[in-house]
Amino acid sequence: MSIKPAIFLPELLRHLFKRPVTVKYPFEKEPVPKDFRGNVVFDPPKCIGCMICVNDCPAEAIEIIRVSETEKKFKMLLHNDRCIHCAQCVDSCPTKAYHMDSEYEIAAFSRRHLKIEYK
């Protein structure tokens, strides 16, 4: 079975004068889509400590710890190595203490560096 080069000629000519589809990534970044789900961002003053987000998280990536018993202050630990960026915590929070940012470059050399602590 031999391949005839004339079959590929129209395809070759069609793509010869087109711009490349690829992007020079580290130097040129594409804008993220409008509904992109990046990292979870926590706003501690809005938190009432209901723990719905902890119970609803399918990846068990959220820990909420009460900082002060007298004042309603909480800190949140987000384990980005476990987080699946499903935004369930954002949807289930009654006070809207969570939102998703547009960050997508979260690689790290160690799992310890992926843990984010919000105070």
C-alpha atoms as a PDB file:
ATOM      1  CA  MET A   1       0.000   0.000   0.000  1.00  0.00           C
ATOM      2  CA  SER A   2       1.590   3.250  -1.076  1.00  0.00           C
ATOM      3  CA  ILE A   3       0.579   6.741  -0.020  1.00  0.00           C
ATOM      4  CA  LYS A   4       0.066   9.240  -2.785  1.00  0.00           C
ATOM      5  CA  PRO A   5       1.423  12.698  -1.930  1.00  0.00           C
ATOM      6  CA  ALA A   6      -1.112  14.418  -4.201  1.00  0.00           C
ATOM      7  CA  ILE A   7      -3.871  13.568  -1.723  1.00  0.00           C
ATOM      8  CA  PHE A   8      -2.231  15.726   0.967  1.00  0.00           C
ATOM      9  CA  LEU A   9      -1.455  18.673  -1.318  1.00  0.00           C
ATOM     10  CA  PRO A  10      -4.794  20.548  -0.911  1.00  0.00           C
ATOM     11  CA  GLU A  11      -4.582  20.208   2.878  1.00  0.00           C
ATOM     12  CA  LEU A  12      -0.984  21.397   2.875  1.00  0.00           C
ATOM     13  CA  LEU A  13      -1.809  24.460   0.754  1.00  0.00           C
ATOM     14  CA  ARG A  14      -4.812  25.313   2.923  1.00  0.00           C
ATOM     15  CA  HIS A  15      -2.694  25.393   6.113  1.00  0.00           C
ATOM     16  CA  LEU A  16       0.391  26.959   4.591  1.00  0.00           C
ATOM     17  CA  PHE A  17      -0.873  30.535   4.969  1.00  0.00           C
ATOM     18  CA  LYS A  18      -2.849  30.214   8.212  1.00  0.00           C
ATOM     19  CA  ARG A  19      -1.711  31.509  11.578  1.00  0.00           C
ATOM     20  CA  PRO A  20      -0.505  28.872  14.042  1.00  0.00           C
ATOM     21  CA  VAL A  21      -3.167  27.708  16.459  1.00  0.00           C
ATOM     22  CA  THR A  22      -0.762  27.206  19.340  1.00  0.00           C
ATOM     23  CA  VAL A  23       0.205  29.918  21.827  1.00  0.00           C
ATOM     24  CA  LYS A  24       3.704  30.644  23.128  1.00  0.00           C
ATOM     25  CA  TYR A  25       2.463  29.891  26.634  1.00  0.00           C
ATOM     26  CA  PRO A  26       4.806  31.295  29.224  1.00  0.00           C
ATOM     27  CA  PHE A  27       5.172  34.513  27.262  1.00  0.00           C
ATOM     28  CA  GLU A  28       1.637  34.866  25.873  1.00  0.00           C
ATOM     29  CA  LYS A  29      -1.280  33.896  28.099  1.00  0.00           C
ATOM     30  CA  GLU A  30      -4.796  33.389  26.870  1.00  0.00           C
ATOM     31  CA  PRO A  31      -7.568  34.984  28.933  1.00  0.00           C
ATOM     32  CA  VAL A  32      -9.523  32.496  31.008  1.00  0.00           C
ATOM     33  CA  PRO A  33     -13.197  31.862  30.193  1.00  0.00           C
ATOM     34  CA  LYS A  34     -15.840  33.775  32.156  1.00  0.00           C
ATOM     35  CA  ASP A  35     -17.013  30.795  34.235  1.00  0.00           C
ATOM     36  CA  PHE A  36     -13.548  29.379  34.908  1.00  0.00           C
ATOM     37  CA  ARG A  37     -13.206  27.783  38.346  1.00  0.00           C
ATOM     38  CA  GLY A  38      -9.752  28.445  39.747  1.00  0.00           C
ATOM     39  CA  ASN A  39      -8.782  28.434  43.408  1.00  0.00           C
ATOM     40  CA  VAL A  40     -11.283  28.766  46.209  1.00  0.00           C
ATOM     41  CA  VAL A  41     -10.925  32.105  48.004  1.00  0.00           C
ATOM     42  CA  PHE A  42     -12.288  32.471  51.531  1.00  0.00           C
ATOM     43  CA  ASP A  43     -13.478  35.706  53.191  1.00  0.00           C
ATOM     44  CA  PRO A  44     -13.222  35.037  56.982  1.00  0.00           C
ATOM     45  CA  PRO A  45     -15.318  38.002  58.250  1.00  0.00           C
ATOM     46  CA  LYS A  46     -18.349  36.644  56.380  1.00  0.00           C
ATOM     47  CA  CYS A  47     -18.042  33.153  57.876  1.00  0.00           C
ATOM     48  CA  ILE A  48     -20.596  32.226  60.555  1.00  0.00           C
ATOM     49  CA  GLY A  49     -19.112  28.790  61.279  1.00  0.00           C
ATOM     50  CA  CYS A  50     -22.027  26.709  60.045  1.00  0.00           C
ATOM     51  CA  MET A  51     -19.632  24.094  58.545  1.00  0.00           C
ATOM     52  CA  ILE A  52     -21.923  23.426  55.561  1.00  0.00           C
ATOM     53  CA  CYS A  53     -18.969  23.872  53.209  1.00  0.00           C
ATOM     54  CA  VAL A  54     -16.944  21.267  55.109  1.00  0.00           C
ATOM     55  CA  ASN A  55     -19.809  18.772  54.986  1.00  0.00           C
ATOM     56  CA  ASP A  56     -20.603  19.407  51.302  1.00  0.00           C
ATOM     57  CA  CYS A  57     -17.024  19.249  49.980  1.00  0.00           C
ATOM     58  CA  PRO A  58     -16.743  15.933  48.076  1.00  0.00           C
ATOM     59  CA  ALA A  59     -12.933  15.961  48.245  1.00  0.00           C
ATOM     60  CA  GLU A  60     -12.719  16.819  51.965  1.00  0.00           C
ATOM     61  CA  ALA A  61     -10.393  19.685  51.066  1.00  0.00           C
ATOM     62  CA  ILE A  62     -11.742  22.270  53.527  1.00  0.00           C
ATOM     63  CA  GLU A  63     -11.082  22.555  57.258  1.00  0.00           C
ATOM     64  CA  ILE A  64     -12.612  25.329  59.347  1.00  0.00           C
ATOM     65  CA  ILE A  65     -11.167  25.983  62.785  1.00  0.00           C
ATOM     66  CA  ARG A  66     -12.651  28.372  65.351  1.00  0.00           C
ATOM     67  CA  VAL A  67      -9.956  30.895  66.340  1.00  0.00           C
ATOM     68  CA  SER A  68     -11.838  32.657  69.120  1.00  0.00           C
ATOM     69  CA  GLU A  69     -14.708  31.339  71.230  1.00  0.00           C
ATOM     70  CA  THR A  70     -15.941  34.767  72.330  1.00  0.00           C
ATOM     71  CA  GLU A  71     -15.684  36.431  68.917  1.00  0.00           C
ATOM     72  CA  LYS A  72     -16.917  34.655  65.841  1.00  0.00           C
ATOM     73  CA  LYS A  73     -13.563  34.341  64.135  1.00  0.00           C
ATOM     74  CA  PHE A  74     -12.594  31.374  62.018  1.00  0.00           C
ATOM     75  CA  LYS A  75      -9.670  30.291  59.918  1.00  0.00           C
ATOM     76  CA  MET A  76      -9.939  28.041  56.919  1.00  0.00           C
ATOM     77  CA  LEU A  77      -7.409  25.543  55.593  1.00  0.00           C
ATOM     78  CA  LEU A  78      -7.785  24.701  51.923  1.00  0.00           C
ATOM     79  CA  HIS A  79      -5.925  21.660  50.689  1.00  0.00           C
ATOM     80  CA  ASN A  80      -5.405  22.412  46.990  1.00  0.00           C
ATOM     81  CA  ASP A  81      -3.832  18.995  46.486  1.00  0.00           C
ATOM     82  CA  ARG A  82      -7.255  17.490  47.248  1.00  0.00           C
ATOM     83  CA  CYS A  83      -9.547  20.201  45.849  1.00  0.00           C
ATOM     84  CA  ILE A  84     -11.315  19.248  42.613  1.00  0.00           C
ATOM     85  CA  HIS A  85     -12.491  22.842  41.937  1.00  0.00           C
ATOM     86  CA  CYS A  86     -16.143  21.825  41.769  1.00  0.00           C
ATOM     87  CA  ALA A  87     -17.363  25.050  43.481  1.00  0.00           C
ATOM     88  CA  GLN A  88     -19.714  23.114  45.758  1.00  0.00           C
ATOM     89  CA  CYS A  89     -18.494  25.171  48.728  1.00  0.00           C
ATOM     90  CA  VAL A  90     -19.293  28.397  46.869  1.00  0.00           C
ATOM     91  CA  ASP A  91     -22.802  27.201  46.065  1.00  0.00           C
ATOM     92  CA  SER A  92     -23.600  25.868  49.530  1.00  0.00           C
ATOM     93  CA  CYS A  93     -22.294  28.768  51.664  1.00  0.00           C
ATOM     94  CA  PRO A  94     -25.289  30.774  52.985  1.00  0.00           C
ATOM     95  CA  THR A  95     -23.223  33.940  53.618  1.00  0.00           C
ATOM     96  CA  LYS A  96     -21.237  33.833  50.341  1.00  0.00           C
ATOM     97  CA  ALA A  97     -17.912  33.666  52.175  1.00  0.00           C
ATOM     98  CA  TYR A  98     -16.359  31.831  49.211  1.00  0.00           C
ATOM     99  CA  HIS A  99     -15.682  32.685  45.596  1.00  0.00           C
ATOM    100  CA  MET A 100     -13.512  31.202  42.853  1.00  0.00           C
ATOM    101  CA  ASP A 101     -10.634  33.167  41.355  1.00  0.00           C
ATOM    102  CA  SER A 102      -9.172  32.786  37.880  1.00  0.00           C
ATOM    103  CA  GLU A 103      -5.743  31.478  38.902  1.00  0.00           C
ATOM    104  CA  TYR A 104      -4.695  28.350  37.026  1.00  0.00           C
ATOM    105  CA  GLU A 105      -0.952  28.162  37.657  1.00  0.00           C
ATOM    106  CA  ILE A 106      -0.887  26.433  41.040  1.00  0.00           C
ATOM    107  CA  ALA A 107       1.806  23.816  40.530  1.00  0.00           C
ATOM    108  CA  ALA A 108       4.251  23.207  43.366  1.00  0.00           C
ATOM    109  CA  PHE A 109       7.082  20.849  44.171  1.00  0.00           C
ATOM    110  CA  SER A 110       5.570  19.729  47.460  1.00  0.00           C
ATOM    111  CA  ARG A 111       2.050  19.091  48.736  1.00  0.00           C
ATOM    112  CA  ARG A 112       2.808  21.305  51.736  1.00  0.00           C
ATOM    113  CA  HIS A 113       3.030  24.321  49.435  1.00  0.00           C
ATOM    114  CA  LEU A 114      -0.462  23.652  48.080  1.00  0.00           C
ATOM    115  CA  LYS A 115      -2.123  24.173  51.474  1.00  0.00           C
ATOM    116  CA  ILE A 116      -3.581  27.664  51.834  1.00  0.00           C
ATOM    117  CA  GLU A 117      -4.472  29.107  55.231  1.00  0.00           C
ATOM    118  CA  TYR A 118      -6.965  31.974  55.487  1.00  0.00           C
ATOM    119  CA  LYS A 119      -7.144  33.751  58.856  1.00  0.00           C
END
